[in-house]
Amino acid sequence: MSGLSLYEVSAGTFTKGLTALLNILNKAEAYAKEKGVDAESYVATALCEDMKPLSFQVQVGSSYWKLLAGHPPADLRHRSRPTRSKSRSGV
């Protein structure tokens, strides 16, 4: 039996998840532009009262990739609001 790495068994799933997240962010940005809303306001917004804001959701999603790459997990408890990248050309 050959040993599979964590990366080999999960990279495809995480790639799909991050691609979906990228598509959601792009659609949200287009919607904001269409409605004349500042897309930056979405970063601190949660969909429900008991949810963390979008910035936290993105940080958690990207933390899994960092783990797969062998980096220690980020401490998200005291994170300040991230700045949004000007370009989200791909995952």
PDB file of N, CA and C in Angstrom:
ATOM      1  N   MET A   1       0.844  -1.182   0.000  1.00  0.00           N
ATOM      2  CA  MET A   1       0.000   0.000   0.000  1.00  0.00           C
ATOM      3  C   MET A   1       0.883   1.236   0.000  1.00  0.00           C
ATOM      4  N   SER A   2       0.648   2.110  -0.958  1.00  0.00           N
ATOM      5  CA  SER A   2       1.452   3.333  -0.998  1.00  0.00           C
ATOM      6  C   SER A   2       0.842   4.379  -0.071  1.00  0.00           C
ATOM      7  N   GLY A   3       1.705   5.141   0.550  1.00  0.00           N
ATOM      8  CA  GLY A   3       1.232   6.178   1.458  1.00  0.00           C
ATOM      9  C   GLY A   3       0.869   7.441   0.687  1.00  0.00           C
ATOM     10  N   LEU A   4      -0.306   7.936   0.932  1.00  0.00           N
ATOM     11  CA  LEU A   4      -0.729   9.186   0.315  1.00  0.00           C
ATOM     12  C   LEU A   4      -0.553  10.316   1.317  1.00  0.00           C
ATOM     13  N   SER A   5      -0.135  11.458   0.806  1.00  0.00           N
ATOM     14  CA  SER A   5       0.017  12.609   1.695  1.00  0.00           C
ATOM     15  C   SER A   5      -1.336  13.296   1.880  1.00  0.00           C
ATOM     16  N   LEU A   6      -1.413  14.101   2.910  1.00  0.00           N
ATOM     17  CA  LEU A   6      -2.616  14.885   3.153  1.00  0.00           C
ATOM     18  C   LEU A   6      -2.914  15.774   1.950  1.00  0.00           C
ATOM     19  N   TYR A   7      -1.865  16.316   1.366  1.00  0.00           N
ATOM     20  CA  TYR A   7      -2.033  17.165   0.180  1.00  0.00           C
ATOM     21  C   TYR A   7      -2.692  16.388  -0.958  1.00  0.00           C
ATOM     22  N   GLU A   8      -2.196  15.194  -1.228  1.00  0.00           N
ATOM     23  CA  GLU A   8      -2.709  14.402  -2.341  1.00  0.00           C
ATOM     24  C   GLU A   8      -4.186  14.049  -2.200  1.00  0.00           C
ATOM     25  N   VAL A   9      -4.631  13.812  -0.991  1.00  0.00           N
ATOM     26  CA  VAL A   9      -6.028  13.402  -0.801  1.00  0.00           C
ATOM     27  C   VAL A   9      -6.980  14.576  -0.613  1.00  0.00           C
ATOM     28  N   SER A  10      -6.455  15.780  -0.413  1.00  0.00           N
ATOM     29  CA  SER A  10      -7.359  16.897  -0.149  1.00  0.00           C
ATOM     30  C   SER A  10      -7.191  18.103  -1.059  1.00  0.00           C
ATOM     31  N   ALA A  11      -6.130  18.179  -1.819  1.00  0.00           N
ATOM     32  CA  ALA A  11      -5.880  19.364  -2.647  1.00  0.00           C
ATOM     33  C   ALA A  11      -7.015  19.634  -3.630  1.00  0.00           C
ATOM     34  N   GLY A  12      -7.537  18.610  -4.257  1.00  0.00           N
ATOM     35  CA  GLY A  12      -8.625  18.798  -5.214  1.00  0.00           C
ATOM     36  C   GLY A  12      -9.862  19.413  -4.581  1.00  0.00           C
ATOM     37  N   THR A  13     -10.202  18.933  -3.408  1.00  0.00           N
ATOM     38  CA  THR A  13     -11.365  19.461  -2.687  1.00  0.00           C
ATOM     39  C   THR A  13     -11.161  20.912  -2.307  1.00  0.00           C
ATOM     40  N   PHE A  14      -9.982  21.241  -1.778  1.00  0.00           N
ATOM     41  CA  PHE A  14      -9.723  22.617  -1.374  1.00  0.00           C
ATOM     42  C   PHE A  14      -9.638  23.546  -2.575  1.00  0.00           C
ATOM     43  N   THR A  15      -9.094  23.050  -3.686  1.00  0.00           N
ATOM     44  CA  THR A  15      -9.036  23.871  -4.897  1.00  0.00           C
ATOM     45  C   THR A  15     -10.443  24.222  -5.358  1.00  0.00           C
ATOM     46  N   LYS A  16     -11.341  23.258  -5.347  1.00  0.00           N
ATOM     47  CA  LYS A  16     -12.731  23.517  -5.725  1.00  0.00           C
ATOM     48  C   LYS A  16     -13.373  24.525  -4.773  1.00  0.00           C
ATOM     49  N   GLY A  17     -13.117  24.374  -3.480  1.00  0.00           N
ATOM     50  CA  GLY A  17     -13.689  25.287  -2.494  1.00  0.00           C
ATOM     51  C   GLY A  17     -13.184  26.706  -2.659  1.00  0.00           C
ATOM     52  N   LEU A  18     -11.874  26.862  -2.874  1.00  0.00           N
ATOM     53  CA  LEU A  18     -11.319  28.200  -3.058  1.00  0.00           C
ATOM     54  C   LEU A  18     -11.758  28.816  -4.379  1.00  0.00           C
ATOM     55  N   THR A  19     -11.924  27.997  -5.403  1.00  0.00           N
ATOM     56  CA  THR A  19     -12.429  28.497  -6.679  1.00  0.00           C
ATOM     57  C   THR A  19     -13.868  28.980  -6.516  1.00  0.00           C
ATOM     58  N   ALA A  20     -14.678  28.228  -5.779  1.00  0.00           N
ATOM     59  CA  ALA A  20     -16.055  28.648  -5.509  1.00  0.00           C
ATOM     60  C   ALA A  20     -16.071  29.956  -4.721  1.00  0.00           C
ATOM     61  N   LEU A  21     -15.188  30.079  -3.730  1.00  0.00           N
ATOM     62  CA  LEU A  21     -15.106  31.306  -2.950  1.00  0.00           C
ATOM     63  C   LEU A  21     -14.705  32.484  -3.836  1.00  0.00           C
ATOM     64  N   LEU A  22     -13.751  32.283  -4.720  1.00  0.00           N
ATOM     65  CA  LEU A  22     -13.342  33.330  -5.651  1.00  0.00           C
ATOM     66  C   LEU A  22     -14.525  33.767  -6.521  1.00  0.00           C
ATOM     67  N   ASN A  23     -15.303  32.813  -7.008  1.00  0.00           N
ATOM     68  CA  ASN A  23     -16.469  33.137  -7.824  1.00  0.00           C
ATOM     69  C   ASN A  23     -17.507  33.926  -7.028  1.00  0.00           C
ATOM     70  N   ILE A  24     -17.717  33.557  -5.775  1.00  0.00           N
ATOM     71  CA  ILE A  24     -18.660  34.278  -4.914  1.00  0.00           C
ATOM     72  C   ILE A  24     -18.186  35.716  -4.705  1.00  0.00           C
ATOM     73  N   LEU A  25     -16.902  35.889  -4.430  1.00  0.00           N
ATOM     74  CA  LEU A  25     -16.367  37.232  -4.225  1.00  0.00           C
ATOM     75  C   LEU A  25     -16.483  38.085  -5.479  1.00  0.00           C
ATOM     76  N   ASN A  26     -16.213  37.487  -6.627  1.00  0.00           N
ATOM     77  CA  ASN A  26     -16.341  38.222  -7.885  1.00  0.00           C
ATOM     78  C   ASN A  26     -17.791  38.622  -8.147  1.00  0.00           C
ATOM     79  N   LYS A  27     -18.734  37.724  -7.873  1.00  0.00           N
ATOM     80  CA  LYS A  27     -20.153  38.050  -8.060  1.00  0.00           C
ATOM     81  C   LYS A  27     -20.604  39.127  -7.086  1.00  0.00           C
ATOM     82  N   ALA A  28     -20.135  39.060  -5.857  1.00  0.00           N
ATOM     83  CA  ALA A  28     -20.483  40.080  -4.859  1.00  0.00           C
ATOM     84  C   ALA A  28     -19.940  41.440  -5.283  1.00  0.00           C
ATOM     85  N   GLU A  29     -18.748  41.454  -5.810  1.00  0.00           N
ATOM     86  CA  GLU A  29     -18.157  42.709  -6.273  1.00  0.00           C
ATOM     87  C   GLU A  29     -18.944  43.283  -7.449  1.00  0.00           C
ATOM     88  N   ALA A  30     -19.326  42.431  -8.391  1.00  0.00           N
ATOM     89  CA  ALA A  30     -20.118  42.882  -9.535  1.00  0.00           C
ATOM     90  C   ALA A  30     -21.488  43.389  -9.085  1.00  0.00           C
ATOM     91  N   TYR A  31     -22.108  42.701  -8.145  1.00  0.00           N
ATOM     92  CA  TYR A  31     -23.408  43.107  -7.620  1.00  0.00           C
ATOM     93  C   TYR A  31     -23.309  44.469  -6.930  1.00  0.00           C
ATOM     94  N   ALA A  32     -22.261  44.645  -6.142  1.00  0.00           N
ATOM     95  CA  ALA A  32     -22.065  45.923  -5.455  1.00  0.00           C
ATOM     96  C   ALA A  32     -21.897  47.057  -6.462  1.00  0.00           C
ATOM     97  N   LYS A  33     -21.128  46.794  -7.489  1.00  0.00           N
ATOM     98  CA  LYS A  33     -20.908  47.819  -8.520  1.00  0.00           C
ATOM     99  C   LYS A  33     -22.226  48.157  -9.215  1.00  0.00           C
ATOM    100  N   GLU A  34     -23.002  47.121  -9.539  1.00  0.00           N
ATOM    101  CA  GLU A  34     -24.297  47.305 -10.209  1.00  0.00           C
ATOM    102  C   GLU A  34     -25.262  48.123  -9.346  1.00  0.00           C
ATOM    103  N   LYS A  35     -25.255  47.889  -8.045  1.00  0.00           N
ATOM    104  CA  LYS A  35     -26.180  48.554  -7.123  1.00  0.00           C
ATOM    105  C   LYS A  35     -25.619  49.856  -6.551  1.00  0.00           C
ATOM    106  N   GLY A  36     -24.369  50.187  -6.881  1.00  0.00           N
ATOM    107  CA  GLY A  36     -23.760  51.402  -6.364  1.00  0.00           C
ATOM    108  C   GLY A  36     -23.409  51.328  -4.888  1.00  0.00           C
ATOM    109  N   VAL A  37     -23.084  50.118  -4.427  1.00  0.00           N
ATOM    110  CA  VAL A  37     -22.730  49.884  -3.026  1.00  0.00           C
ATOM    111  C   VAL A  37     -21.218  49.696  -2.943  1.00  0.00           C
ATOM    112  N   ASP A  38     -20.628  50.148  -1.852  1.00  0.00           N
ATOM    113  CA  ASP A  38     -19.204  49.940  -1.640  1.00  0.00           C
ATOM    114  C   ASP A  38     -18.954  48.473  -1.294  1.00  0.00           C
ATOM    115  N   ALA A  39     -18.245  47.756  -2.153  1.00  0.00           N
ATOM    116  CA  ALA A  39     -17.970  46.333  -1.930  1.00  0.00           C
ATOM    117  C   ALA A  39     -17.158  46.104  -0.655  1.00  0.00           C
ATOM    118  N   GLU A  40     -16.399  47.089  -0.221  1.00  0.00           N
ATOM    119  CA  GLU A  40     -15.625  46.967   1.009  1.00  0.00           C
ATOM    120  C   GLU A  40     -16.524  46.741   2.222  1.00  0.00           C
ATOM    121  N   SER A  41     -17.766  47.199   2.143  1.00  0.00           N
ATOM    122  CA  SER A  41     -18.676  47.029   3.276  1.00  0.00           C
ATOM    123  C   SER A  41     -19.023  45.558   3.499  1.00  0.00           C
ATOM    124  N   TYR A  42     -18.868  44.727   2.484  1.00  0.00           N
ATOM    125  CA  TYR A  42     -19.165  43.299   2.608  1.00  0.00           C
ATOM    126  C   TYR A  42     -18.165  42.589   3.523  1.00  0.00           C
ATOM    127  N   VAL A  43     -16.947  43.098   3.588  1.00  0.00           N
ATOM    128  CA  VAL A  43     -15.875  42.428   4.329  1.00  0.00           C
ATOM    129  C   VAL A  43     -16.222  42.238   5.803  1.00  0.00           C
ATOM    130  N   ALA A  44     -16.869  43.217   6.393  1.00  0.00           N
ATOM    131  CA  ALA A  44     -17.198  43.154   7.820  1.00  0.00           C
ATOM    132  C   ALA A  44     -18.611  42.639   8.073  1.00  0.00           C
ATOM    133  N   THR A  45     -19.285  42.170   7.032  1.00  0.00           N
ATOM    134  CA  THR A  45     -20.667  41.756   7.139  1.00  0.00           C
ATOM    135  C   THR A  45     -20.797  40.243   7.264  1.00  0.00           C
ATOM    136  N   ALA A  46     -21.767  39.816   8.084  1.00  0.00           N
ATOM    137  CA  ALA A  46     -22.102  38.394   8.221  1.00  0.00           C
ATOM    138  C   ALA A  46     -23.482  38.172   7.617  1.00  0.00           C
ATOM    139  N   LEU A  47     -23.706  36.992   7.091  1.00  0.00           N
ATOM    140  CA  LEU A  47     -25.010  36.682   6.503  1.00  0.00           C
ATOM    141  C   LEU A  47     -26.096  36.525   7.555  1.00  0.00           C
ATOM    142  N   CYS A  48     -25.722  36.021   8.733  1.00  0.00           N
ATOM    143  CA  CYS A  48     -26.660  35.798   9.837  1.00  0.00           C
ATOM    144  C   CYS A  48     -26.063  36.372  11.111  1.00  0.00           C
ATOM    145  N   GLU A  49     -26.907  36.581  12.070  1.00  0.00           N
ATOM    146  CA  GLU A  49     -26.475  37.152  13.341  1.00  0.00           C
ATOM    147  C   GLU A  49     -25.431  36.284  14.046  1.00  0.00           C
ATOM    148  N   ASP A  50     -25.537  34.971  13.929  1.00  0.00           N
ATOM    149  CA  ASP A  50     -24.609  34.086  14.645  1.00  0.00           C
ATOM    150  C   ASP A  50     -23.398  33.668  13.806  1.00  0.00           C
ATOM    151  N   MET A  51     -23.176  34.323  12.681  1.00  0.00           N
ATOM    152  CA  MET A  51     -22.033  34.035  11.817  1.00  0.00           C
ATOM    153  C   MET A  51     -20.919  35.032  12.037  1.00  0.00           C
ATOM    154  N   LYS A  52     -19.723  34.607  11.754  1.00  0.00           N
ATOM    155  CA  LYS A  52     -18.578  35.521  11.713  1.00  0.00           C
ATOM    156  C   LYS A  52     -18.653  36.294  10.396  1.00  0.00           C
ATOM    157  N   PRO A  53     -17.972  37.444  10.304  1.00  0.00           N
ATOM    158  CA  PRO A  53     -18.016  38.233   9.071  1.00  0.00           C
ATOM    159  C   PRO A  53     -17.287  37.554   7.907  1.00  0.00           C
ATOM    160  N   LEU A  54     -17.511  38.061   6.724  1.00  0.00           N
ATOM    161  CA  LEU A  54     -16.902  37.515   5.512  1.00  0.00           C
ATOM    162  C   LEU A  54     -15.386  37.432   5.629  1.00  0.00           C
ATOM    163  N   SER A  55     -14.765  38.439   6.219  1.00  0.00           N
ATOM    164  CA  SER A  55     -13.301  38.421   6.350  1.00  0.00           C
ATOM    165  C   SER A  55     -12.836  37.164   7.093  1.00  0.00           C
ATOM    166  N   PHE A  56     -13.551  36.783   8.134  1.00  0.00           N
ATOM    167  CA  PHE A  56     -13.205  35.577   8.889  1.00  0.00           C
ATOM    168  C   PHE A  56     -13.392  34.330   8.022  1.00  0.00           C
ATOM    169  N   GLN A  57     -14.490  34.273   7.274  1.00  0.00           N
ATOM    170  CA  GLN A  57     -14.761  33.112   6.421  1.00  0.00           C
ATOM    171  C   GLN A  57     -13.628  32.908   5.410  1.00  0.00           C
ATOM    172  N   VAL A  58     -13.159  34.003   4.821  1.00  0.00           N
ATOM    173  CA  VAL A  58     -12.073  33.921   3.836  1.00  0.00           C
ATOM    174  C   VAL A  58     -10.781  33.476   4.520  1.00  0.00           C
ATOM    175  N   GLN A  59     -10.500  34.021   5.700  1.00  0.00           N
ATOM    176  CA  GLN A  59      -9.286  33.633   6.427  1.00  0.00           C
ATOM    177  C   GLN A  59      -9.297  32.154   6.779  1.00  0.00           C
ATOM    178  N   VAL A  60     -10.419  31.646   7.209  1.00  0.00           N
ATOM    179  CA  VAL A  60     -10.511  30.226   7.556  1.00  0.00           C
ATOM    180  C   VAL A  60     -10.297  29.370   6.307  1.00  0.00           C
ATOM    181  N   GLY A  61     -10.939  29.740   5.215  1.00  0.00           N
ATOM    182  CA  GLY A  61     -10.765  28.985   3.971  1.00  0.00           C
ATOM    183  C   GLY A  61      -9.316  28.946   3.516  1.00  0.00           C
ATOM    184  N   SER A  62      -8.633  30.061   3.611  1.00  0.00           N
ATOM    185  CA  SER A  62      -7.232  30.083   3.170  1.00  0.00           C
ATOM    186  C   SER A  62      -6.313  29.403   4.184  1.00  0.00           C
ATOM    187  N   SER A  63      -6.726  29.327   5.435  1.00  0.00           N
ATOM    188  CA  SER A  63      -5.895  28.666   6.452  1.00  0.00           C
ATOM    189  C   SER A  63      -5.708  27.183   6.149  1.00  0.00           C
ATOM    190  N   TYR A  64      -6.712  26.549   5.581  1.00  0.00           N
ATOM    191  CA  TYR A  64      -6.582  25.133   5.240  1.00  0.00           C
ATOM    192  C   TYR A  64      -5.488  24.913   4.202  1.00  0.00           C
ATOM    193  N   TRP A  65      -5.406  25.814   3.227  1.00  0.00           N
ATOM    194  CA  TRP A  65      -4.340  25.702   2.231  1.00  0.00           C
ATOM    195  C   TRP A  65      -2.985  25.874   2.876  1.00  0.00           C
ATOM    196  N   LYS A  66      -2.883  26.799   3.817  1.00  0.00           N
ATOM    197  CA  LYS A  66      -1.609  27.007   4.508  1.00  0.00           C
ATOM    198  C   LYS A  66      -1.202  25.742   5.265  1.00  0.00           C
ATOM    199  N   LEU A  67      -2.170  25.087   5.887  1.00  0.00           N
ATOM    200  CA  LEU A  67      -1.874  23.829   6.587  1.00  0.00           C
ATOM    201  C   LEU A  67      -1.350  22.773   5.621  1.00  0.00           C
ATOM    202  N   LEU A  68      -2.000  22.675   4.466  1.00  0.00           N
ATOM    203  CA  LEU A  68      -1.557  21.691   3.473  1.00  0.00           C
ATOM    204  C   LEU A  68      -0.150  21.988   2.975  1.00  0.00           C
ATOM    205  N   ALA A  69       0.206  23.260   2.947  1.00  0.00           N
ATOM    206  CA  ALA A  69       1.536  23.660   2.489  1.00  0.00           C
ATOM    207  C   ALA A  69       2.583  23.522   3.588  1.00  0.00           C
ATOM    208  N   GLY A  70       2.145  23.117   4.794  1.00  0.00           N
ATOM    209  CA  GLY A  70       3.078  22.895   5.880  1.00  0.00           C
ATOM    210  C   GLY A  70       3.326  24.101   6.760  1.00  0.00           C
ATOM    211  N   HIS A  71       2.509  25.145   6.625  1.00  0.00           N
ATOM    212  CA  HIS A  71       2.656  26.332   7.467  1.00  0.00           C
ATOM    213  C   HIS A  71       1.778  26.188   8.701  1.00  0.00           C
ATOM    214  N   PRO A  72       2.208  26.758   9.814  1.00  0.00           N
ATOM    215  CA  PRO A  72       1.376  26.663  11.022  1.00  0.00           C
ATOM    216  C   PRO A  72       0.067  27.422  10.835  1.00  0.00           C
ATOM    217  N   PRO A  73      -0.994  26.961  11.469  1.00  0.00           N
ATOM    218  CA  PRO A  73      -2.283  27.650  11.337  1.00  0.00           C
ATOM    219  C   PRO A  73      -2.224  29.042  11.947  1.00  0.00           C
ATOM    220  N   ALA A  74      -2.968  29.948  11.353  1.00  0.00           N
ATOM    221  CA  ALA A  74      -3.036  31.317  11.856  1.00  0.00           C
ATOM    222  C   ALA A  74      -3.938  31.375  13.077  1.00  0.00           C
ATOM    223  N   ASP A  75      -3.624  32.263  13.984  1.00  0.00           N
ATOM    224  CA  ASP A  75      -4.489  32.505  15.129  1.00  0.00           C
ATOM    225  C   ASP A  75      -5.500  33.558  14.695  1.00  0.00           C
ATOM    226  N   LEU A  76      -6.733  33.150  14.427  1.00  0.00           N
ATOM    227  CA  LEU A  76      -7.746  34.038  13.875  1.00  0.00           C
ATOM    228  C   LEU A  76      -8.526  34.797  14.942  1.00  0.00           C
ATOM    229  N   ARG A  77      -8.254  34.531  16.198  1.00  0.00           N
ATOM    230  CA  ARG A  77      -9.044  35.165  17.253  1.00  0.00           C
ATOM    231  C   ARG A  77      -8.836  36.667  17.324  1.00  0.00           C
ATOM    232  N   HIS A  78      -7.645  37.143  17.039  1.00  0.00           N
ATOM    233  CA  HIS A  78      -7.349  38.563  17.211  1.00  0.00           C
ATOM    234  C   HIS A  78      -6.961  39.223  15.891  1.00  0.00           C
ATOM    235  N   ARG A  79      -7.421  38.686  14.796  1.00  0.00           N
ATOM    236  CA  ARG A  79      -7.075  39.234  13.485  1.00  0.00           C
ATOM    237  C   ARG A  79      -7.768  40.558  13.266  1.00  0.00           C
ATOM    238  N   SER A  80      -7.042  41.496  12.714  1.00  0.00           N
ATOM    239  CA  SER A  80      -7.667  42.746  12.299  1.00  0.00           C
ATOM    240  C   SER A  80      -8.258  42.541  10.915  1.00  0.00           C
ATOM    241  N   ARG A  81      -9.074  43.449  10.494  1.00  0.00           N
ATOM    242  CA  ARG A  81      -9.739  43.335   9.201  1.00  0.00           C
ATOM    243  C   ARG A  81      -8.695  43.332   8.088  1.00  0.00           C
ATOM    244  N   PRO A  82      -8.726  42.345   7.201  1.00  0.00           N
ATOM    245  CA  PRO A  82      -7.739  42.290   6.129  1.00  0.00           C
ATOM    246  C   PRO A  82      -8.051  43.327   5.060  1.00  0.00           C
ATOM    247  N   THR A  83      -7.024  43.722   4.342  1.00  0.00           N
ATOM    248  CA  THR A  83      -7.260  44.593   3.200  1.00  0.00           C
ATOM    249  C   THR A  83      -7.561  43.714   2.007  1.00  0.00           C
ATOM    250  N   ARG A  84      -8.456  44.152   1.188  1.00  0.00           N
ATOM    251  CA  ARG A  84      -8.857  43.369   0.033  1.00  0.00           C
ATOM    252  C   ARG A  84      -7.864  43.587  -1.090  1.00  0.00           C
ATOM    253  N   SER A  85      -7.451  42.533  -1.722  1.00  0.00           N
ATOM    254  CA  SER A  85      -6.533  42.610  -2.842  1.00  0.00           C
ATOM    255  C   SER A  85      -7.219  43.277  -4.017  1.00  0.00           C
ATOM    256  N   LYS A  86      -6.467  44.075  -4.746  1.00  0.00           N
ATOM    257  CA  LYS A  86      -7.015  44.736  -5.931  1.00  0.00           C
ATOM    258  C   LYS A  86      -7.269  43.732  -7.053  1.00  0.00           C
ATOM    259  N   SER A  87      -6.531  42.643  -7.063  1.00  0.00           N
ATOM    260  CA  SER A  87      -6.669  41.652  -8.126  1.00  0.00           C
ATOM    261  C   SER A  87      -6.958  40.288  -7.533  1.00  0.00           C
ATOM    262  N   ARG A  88      -8.026  39.662  -7.980  1.00  0.00           N
ATOM    263  CA  ARG A  88      -8.345  38.294  -7.582  1.00  0.00           C
ATOM    264  C   ARG A  88      -8.408  37.465  -8.854  1.00  0.00           C
ATOM    265  N   SER A  89      -7.285  37.393  -9.549  1.00  0.00           N
ATOM    266  CA  SER A  89      -7.281  36.772 -10.862  1.00  0.00           C
ATOM    267  C   SER A  89      -7.354  35.257 -10.829  1.00  0.00           C
ATOM    268  N   GLY A  90      -7.061  34.638  -9.713  1.00  0.00           N
ATOM    269  CA  GLY A  90      -7.132  33.187  -9.678  1.00  0.00           C
ATOM    270  C   GLY A  90      -6.717  32.638  -8.347  1.00  0.00           C
ATOM    271  N   VAL A  91      -6.888  31.344  -8.217  1.00  0.00           N
ATOM    272  CA  VAL A  91      -6.580  30.669  -6.961  1.00  0.00           C
ATOM    273  C   VAL A  91      -5.214  30.045  -7.082  1.00  0.00           C
TER     274      VAL A  91
END
